[in-house]
Amino acid sequence: MTAASAAFIYKICTQAEWDQAVKAGVFLGSALDIRDGFIHFSGISQMQKTAEKHFVGIENLILVEVAVSALNSATLKWEVSREGERFPHLYAPLEIKKVNQSWA
């Protein structure tokens, strides 16, 4: 799957981060996202490596699915990151109403 053909992107975050976002109506990102200046997402084929690299041993995680078509193409950038792969980075807050689905 290429960046151009991805229908959905995915974000892993903690239940506490997600609860705060739902209450506020917007997800501003995790501490890592805020530090880096964008919200880190993964494509479906990148999810396992992302989980293994950043979330091993962390409990109470949420997986959030967002339709690429729901986001502004000016703020969603596919940029080279880990192992030369292009990852979706959102340079804007994520409005909760744009989330397709979330799983605990």
Protein backbone atom coordinates (compact mmCIF):
# COMPACT_ATOMS: atom_id res chain seq x y z
CA MET A 1 0.00 0.00 0.00
CA THR A 2 1.30 3.43 -0.86
CA ALA A 3 0.55 6.69 0.87
CA ALA A 4 -1.63 7.70 -2.06
CA SER A 5 -3.79 4.58 -1.79
CA ALA A 6 -4.27 4.46 1.99
CA ALA A 7 -7.91 4.77 2.99
CA PHE A 8 -7.27 4.87 6.74
CA ILE A 9 -4.46 5.82 9.11
CA TYR A 10 -4.04 4.70 12.72
CA LYS A 11 -2.93 6.19 16.02
CA ILE A 12 -2.09 4.35 19.22
CA CYS A 13 -2.51 6.32 22.42
CA THR A 14 -3.41 5.68 26.03
CA GLN A 15 -6.97 5.49 27.28
CA ALA A 16 -6.30 8.56 29.47
CA GLU A 17 -5.06 10.59 26.49
CA TRP A 18 -8.08 9.52 24.46
CA ASP A 19 -10.57 10.25 27.25
CA GLN A 20 -9.14 13.76 27.56
CA ALA A 21 -9.40 14.24 23.79
CA VAL A 22 -13.00 13.06 23.65
CA LYS A 23 -13.90 15.44 26.48
CA ALA A 24 -12.19 18.35 24.68
CA GLY A 25 -13.46 17.35 21.23
CA VAL A 26 -9.92 17.38 19.86
CA PHE A 27 -6.78 15.25 20.16
CA LEU A 28 -3.66 17.38 20.41
CA GLY A 29 -1.34 14.38 20.52
CA SER A 30 0.75 12.47 22.99
CA ALA A 31 3.83 13.97 24.66
CA LEU A 32 5.97 12.63 21.77
CA ASP A 33 3.62 14.18 19.20
CA ILE A 34 3.65 17.54 20.94
CA ARG A 35 7.46 17.44 21.19
CA ASP A 36 7.80 16.62 17.48
CA GLY A 37 5.23 19.19 16.34
CA PHE A 38 2.83 16.76 14.64
CA ILE A 39 0.65 13.76 15.45
CA HIS A 40 2.32 10.49 14.50
CA PHE A 41 0.11 8.03 12.63
CA SER A 42 0.83 4.71 10.93
CA GLY A 43 -0.58 2.91 7.95
CA ILE A 44 -2.14 -0.49 8.58
CA SER A 45 0.99 -2.33 7.43
CA GLN A 46 3.13 -0.27 9.84
CA MET A 47 1.05 -0.83 12.97
CA GLN A 48 2.80 -3.91 14.34
CA LYS A 49 6.28 -2.36 14.18
CA THR A 50 4.98 0.89 15.66
CA ALA A 51 3.39 -0.99 18.57
CA GLU A 52 6.56 -3.03 19.15
CA LYS A 53 8.83 0.00 19.01
CA HIS A 54 6.85 2.48 21.11
CA PHE A 55 4.17 0.73 23.18
CA VAL A 56 5.50 -2.55 24.62
CA GLY A 57 4.55 -2.82 28.28
CA ILE A 58 2.15 0.12 28.21
CA GLU A 59 -1.34 -0.77 29.38
CA ASN A 60 -4.74 0.71 28.58
CA LEU A 61 -4.05 1.54 24.96
CA ILE A 62 -6.52 2.71 22.33
CA LEU A 63 -6.26 2.25 18.58
CA VAL A 64 -7.83 5.09 16.62
CA GLU A 65 -8.77 4.81 12.94
CA VAL A 66 -9.14 7.93 10.81
CA ALA A 67 -10.22 8.09 7.17
CA VAL A 68 -7.58 9.88 5.13
CA SER A 69 -10.40 11.56 3.20
CA ALA A 70 -11.63 13.22 6.44
CA LEU A 71 -8.37 15.13 6.84
CA ASN A 72 -7.08 18.23 5.12
CA SER A 73 -4.40 17.21 2.63
CA ALA A 74 -2.51 20.40 3.47
CA THR A 75 -1.98 19.23 7.07
CA LEU A 76 -1.52 15.47 6.48
CA LYS A 77 1.98 14.79 5.20
CA TRP A 78 3.50 11.41 4.32
CA GLU A 79 7.11 11.73 5.37
CA VAL A 80 10.09 9.40 5.38
CA SER A 81 10.77 8.03 8.84
CA ARG A 82 11.70 4.63 10.24
CA GLU A 83 13.55 2.33 7.80
CA GLY A 84 12.94 4.77 4.94
CA GLU A 85 9.18 4.21 5.05
CA ARG A 86 6.72 7.05 4.56
CA PHE A 87 4.52 7.62 7.61
CA PRO A 88 1.46 9.87 7.92
CA HIS A 89 2.03 12.92 10.11
CA LEU A 90 -0.80 15.30 10.96
CA TYR A 91 0.29 18.91 11.42
CA ALA A 92 -2.96 19.95 13.09
CA PRO A 93 -5.11 18.87 16.00
CA LEU A 94 -7.31 15.86 15.26
CA GLU A 95 -10.97 16.71 15.64
CA ILE A 96 -12.72 13.81 17.39
CA LYS A 97 -15.66 14.04 14.96
CA LYS A 98 -13.24 13.00 12.18
CA VAL A 99 -12.38 9.71 13.88
CA ASN A 100 -13.89 6.74 12.10
CA GLN A 101 -13.55 4.23 14.93
CA SER A 102 -11.56 3.50 18.09
CA TRP A 103 -10.83 0.27 19.92
CA ALA A 104 -9.61 -0.34 23.46
